[in-house]
Amino acid sequence: MWLGHHRSIKPPGLFALYVTGYSAFRIFEESLRVDPSEHFLGLRFNMYVAAIAHRRHAVWFCVHAAAQVG
């Protein structure tokens, strides 16, 4: 909420930034978990899902930030 009031980020961009941060935290959290999960190429499958989500939402935020500037 602070960014919405003190910066020129509009609501779609704020949501994209929130989801980007959440998925980045999930990557960190998945690296700490010890419960059983499916592994693929040495990493947990959940880690791949979080990384893909992080990439997509970071691009989404950049697109909204660029649209607000231009």
N, C-alpha and C. Protein backbone atom coordinates (compact mmCIF):
# COMPACT_ATOMS: atom_id res chain seq x y z
N MET A 1 0.82 -1.19 0.00
CA MET A 1 0.00 0.00 0.00
C MET A 1 0.87 1.26 0.00
N TRP A 2 2.02 1.19 0.65
CA TRP A 2 2.90 2.35 0.70
C TRP A 2 3.33 2.75 -0.70
N LEU A 3 3.68 1.77 -1.54
CA LEU A 3 4.12 2.08 -2.90
C LEU A 3 3.01 2.73 -3.71
N GLY A 4 1.78 2.32 -3.49
CA GLY A 4 0.67 2.90 -4.22
C GLY A 4 0.44 4.36 -3.90
N HIS A 5 0.77 4.76 -2.68
CA HIS A 5 0.58 6.15 -2.27
C HIS A 5 1.80 7.03 -2.54
N HIS A 6 2.99 6.47 -2.46
CA HIS A 6 4.21 7.28 -2.57
C HIS A 6 4.94 7.13 -3.89
N ARG A 7 4.52 6.24 -4.72
CA ARG A 7 5.13 6.07 -6.04
C ARG A 7 4.02 6.15 -7.08
N SER A 8 4.40 6.23 -8.32
CA SER A 8 3.41 6.34 -9.39
C SER A 8 3.08 4.98 -10.00
N ILE A 9 2.98 3.95 -9.15
CA ILE A 9 2.64 2.61 -9.63
C ILE A 9 1.14 2.43 -9.48
N LYS A 10 0.47 2.14 -10.57
CA LYS A 10 -0.98 1.96 -10.56
C LYS A 10 -1.34 0.55 -10.11
N PRO A 11 -2.61 0.31 -9.75
CA PRO A 11 -3.02 -0.99 -9.20
C PRO A 11 -2.64 -2.23 -10.01
N PRO A 12 -2.76 -2.31 -11.33
CA PRO A 12 -2.32 -3.56 -11.97
C PRO A 12 -0.82 -3.82 -11.77
N GLY A 13 -0.03 -2.77 -11.79
CA GLY A 13 1.40 -2.92 -11.56
C GLY A 13 1.72 -3.29 -10.12
N LEU A 14 0.94 -2.76 -9.17
CA LEU A 14 1.14 -3.11 -7.77
C LEU A 14 0.86 -4.59 -7.54
N PHE A 15 -0.19 -5.10 -8.14
CA PHE A 15 -0.51 -6.52 -7.99
C PHE A 15 0.58 -7.38 -8.62
N ALA A 16 1.07 -6.97 -9.79
CA ALA A 16 2.14 -7.72 -10.45
C ALA A 16 3.40 -7.71 -9.58
N LEU A 17 3.69 -6.58 -8.95
CA LEU A 17 4.86 -6.50 -8.07
C LEU A 17 4.68 -7.39 -6.84
N TYR A 18 3.48 -7.43 -6.28
CA TYR A 18 3.20 -8.29 -5.13
C TYR A 18 3.39 -9.76 -5.50
N VAL A 19 2.84 -10.18 -6.62
CA VAL A 19 2.94 -11.59 -7.02
C VAL A 19 4.39 -11.93 -7.37
N THR A 20 5.13 -11.00 -7.93
CA THR A 20 6.55 -11.23 -8.21
C THR A 20 7.32 -11.46 -6.91
N GLY A 21 7.08 -10.63 -5.92
CA GLY A 21 7.74 -10.80 -4.63
C GLY A 21 7.33 -12.09 -3.94
N TYR A 22 6.05 -12.44 -4.04
CA TYR A 22 5.59 -13.67 -3.42
C TYR A 22 6.25 -14.89 -4.06
N SER A 23 6.33 -14.91 -5.38
CA SER A 23 6.94 -16.07 -6.03
C SER A 23 8.45 -16.12 -5.76
N ALA A 24 9.10 -14.96 -5.60
CA ALA A 24 10.52 -14.95 -5.23
C ALA A 24 10.69 -15.53 -3.83
N PHE A 25 9.79 -15.21 -2.91
CA PHE A 25 9.84 -15.79 -1.58
C PHE A 25 9.59 -17.29 -1.63
N ARG A 26 8.70 -17.74 -2.51
CA ARG A 26 8.45 -19.18 -2.64
C ARG A 26 9.69 -19.93 -3.10
N ILE A 27 10.48 -19.32 -3.98
CA ILE A 27 11.73 -19.96 -4.40
C ILE A 27 12.63 -20.16 -3.19
N PHE A 28 12.76 -19.13 -2.36
CA PHE A 28 13.57 -19.23 -1.15
C PHE A 28 12.99 -20.29 -0.20
N GLU A 29 11.69 -20.26 -0.01
CA GLU A 29 11.04 -21.20 0.91
C GLU A 29 11.19 -22.64 0.43
N GLU A 30 11.07 -22.87 -0.85
CA GLU A 30 11.20 -24.23 -1.38
C GLU A 30 12.62 -24.77 -1.19
N SER A 31 13.60 -23.89 -1.15
CA SER A 31 14.96 -24.36 -0.92
C SER A 31 15.18 -24.82 0.52
N LEU A 32 14.32 -24.39 1.45
CA LEU A 32 14.45 -24.76 2.85
C LEU A 32 13.64 -25.99 3.24
N ARG A 33 12.66 -26.35 2.45
CA ARG A 33 11.75 -27.44 2.81
C ARG A 33 12.45 -28.79 2.75
N VAL A 34 12.04 -29.69 3.65
CA VAL A 34 12.63 -31.02 3.70
C VAL A 34 11.59 -32.12 3.50
N ASP A 35 10.33 -31.77 3.34
CA ASP A 35 9.31 -32.80 3.15
C ASP A 35 9.44 -33.42 1.76
N PRO A 36 8.89 -34.62 1.57
CA PRO A 36 9.04 -35.30 0.27
C PRO A 36 8.28 -34.57 -0.84
N SER A 37 8.90 -34.53 -1.98
CA SER A 37 8.29 -33.91 -3.16
C SER A 37 8.93 -34.51 -4.39
N GLU A 38 8.29 -34.34 -5.53
CA GLU A 38 8.85 -34.82 -6.79
C GLU A 38 10.08 -33.98 -7.13
N HIS A 39 11.13 -34.65 -7.61
CA HIS A 39 12.35 -33.96 -8.02
C HIS A 39 12.54 -34.12 -9.52
N PHE A 40 13.07 -33.08 -10.14
CA PHE A 40 13.35 -33.08 -11.57
C PHE A 40 14.67 -32.37 -11.78
N LEU A 41 15.63 -33.06 -12.35
CA LEU A 41 16.98 -32.52 -12.58
C LEU A 41 17.61 -31.99 -11.29
N GLY A 42 17.38 -32.69 -10.19
CA GLY A 42 18.02 -32.34 -8.94
C GLY A 42 17.32 -31.30 -8.09
N LEU A 43 16.28 -30.67 -8.61
CA LEU A 43 15.54 -29.67 -7.84
C LEU A 43 14.10 -30.11 -7.67
N ARG A 44 13.45 -29.56 -6.66
CA ARG A 44 12.05 -29.88 -6.43
C ARG A 44 11.20 -29.28 -7.55
N PHE A 45 10.17 -30.00 -7.93
CA PHE A 45 9.26 -29.53 -8.98
C PHE A 45 8.63 -28.19 -8.59
N ASN A 46 8.34 -28.02 -7.29
CA ASN A 46 7.74 -26.77 -6.81
C ASN A 46 8.66 -25.57 -7.06
N MET A 47 9.96 -25.81 -7.02
CA MET A 47 10.92 -24.74 -7.28
C MET A 47 10.82 -24.25 -8.72
N TYR A 48 10.65 -25.19 -9.64
CA TYR A 48 10.48 -24.81 -11.04
C TYR A 48 9.21 -24.01 -11.26
N VAL A 49 8.14 -24.42 -10.62
CA VAL A 49 6.87 -23.70 -10.75
C VAL A 49 7.01 -22.28 -10.22
N ALA A 50 7.64 -22.12 -9.07
CA ALA A 50 7.84 -20.79 -8.49
C ALA A 50 8.75 -19.94 -9.37
N ALA A 51 9.78 -20.53 -9.96
CA ALA A 51 10.68 -19.78 -10.83
C ALA A 51 9.98 -19.32 -12.10
N ILE A 52 9.14 -20.17 -12.67
CA ILE A 52 8.39 -19.80 -13.87
C ILE A 52 7.40 -18.69 -13.53
N ALA A 53 6.72 -18.81 -12.40
CA ALA A 53 5.77 -17.77 -11.98
C ALA A 53 6.49 -16.45 -11.73
N HIS A 54 7.66 -16.51 -11.11
CA HIS A 54 8.43 -15.29 -10.85
C HIS A 54 8.81 -14.59 -12.15
N ARG A 55 9.28 -15.35 -13.12
CA ARG A 55 9.68 -14.78 -14.40
C ARG A 55 8.49 -14.12 -15.11
N ARG A 56 7.37 -14.83 -15.15
CA ARG A 56 6.19 -14.31 -15.84
C ARG A 56 5.67 -13.04 -15.18
N HIS A 57 5.63 -13.01 -13.85
CA HIS A 57 5.09 -11.84 -13.17
C HIS A 57 6.07 -10.67 -13.17
N ALA A 58 7.35 -10.94 -13.21
CA ALA A 58 8.33 -9.86 -13.34
C ALA A 58 8.19 -9.18 -14.70
N VAL A 59 7.97 -9.98 -15.74
CA VAL A 59 7.74 -9.41 -17.08
C VAL A 59 6.44 -8.61 -17.08
N TRP A 60 5.41 -9.16 -16.43
CA TRP A 60 4.12 -8.47 -16.35
C TRP A 60 4.29 -7.12 -15.66
N PHE A 61 5.04 -7.07 -14.56
CA PHE A 61 5.28 -5.80 -13.87
C PHE A 61 6.04 -4.83 -14.75
N CYS A 62 7.06 -5.31 -15.46
CA CYS A 62 7.84 -4.42 -16.34
C CYS A 62 7.00 -3.86 -17.46
N VAL A 63 6.09 -4.66 -18.00
CA VAL A 63 5.20 -4.18 -19.06
C VAL A 63 4.28 -3.08 -18.52
N HIS A 64 3.72 -3.27 -17.32
CA HIS A 64 2.85 -2.25 -16.75
C HIS A 64 3.63 -1.00 -16.36
N ALA A 65 4.85 -1.17 -15.86
CA ALA A 65 5.67 -0.01 -15.49
C ALA A 65 6.05 0.78 -16.73
N ALA A 66 6.37 0.09 -17.82
CA ALA A 66 6.72 0.77 -19.07
C ALA A 66 5.50 1.48 -19.67
N ALA A 67 4.33 0.90 -19.53
CA ALA A 67 3.12 1.52 -20.06
C ALA A 67 2.76 2.79 -19.29
N GLN A 68 3.07 2.83 -18.00
CA GLN A 68 2.77 4.02 -17.21
C GLN A 68 3.74 5.16 -17.53
N VAL A 69 4.97 4.83 -17.87
CA VAL A 69 5.97 5.87 -18.17
C VAL A 69 5.71 6.46 -19.55
N GLY A 70 5.42 5.59 -20.51
CA GLY A 70 5.28 6.03 -21.90
C GLY A 70 3.93 6.32 -22.28
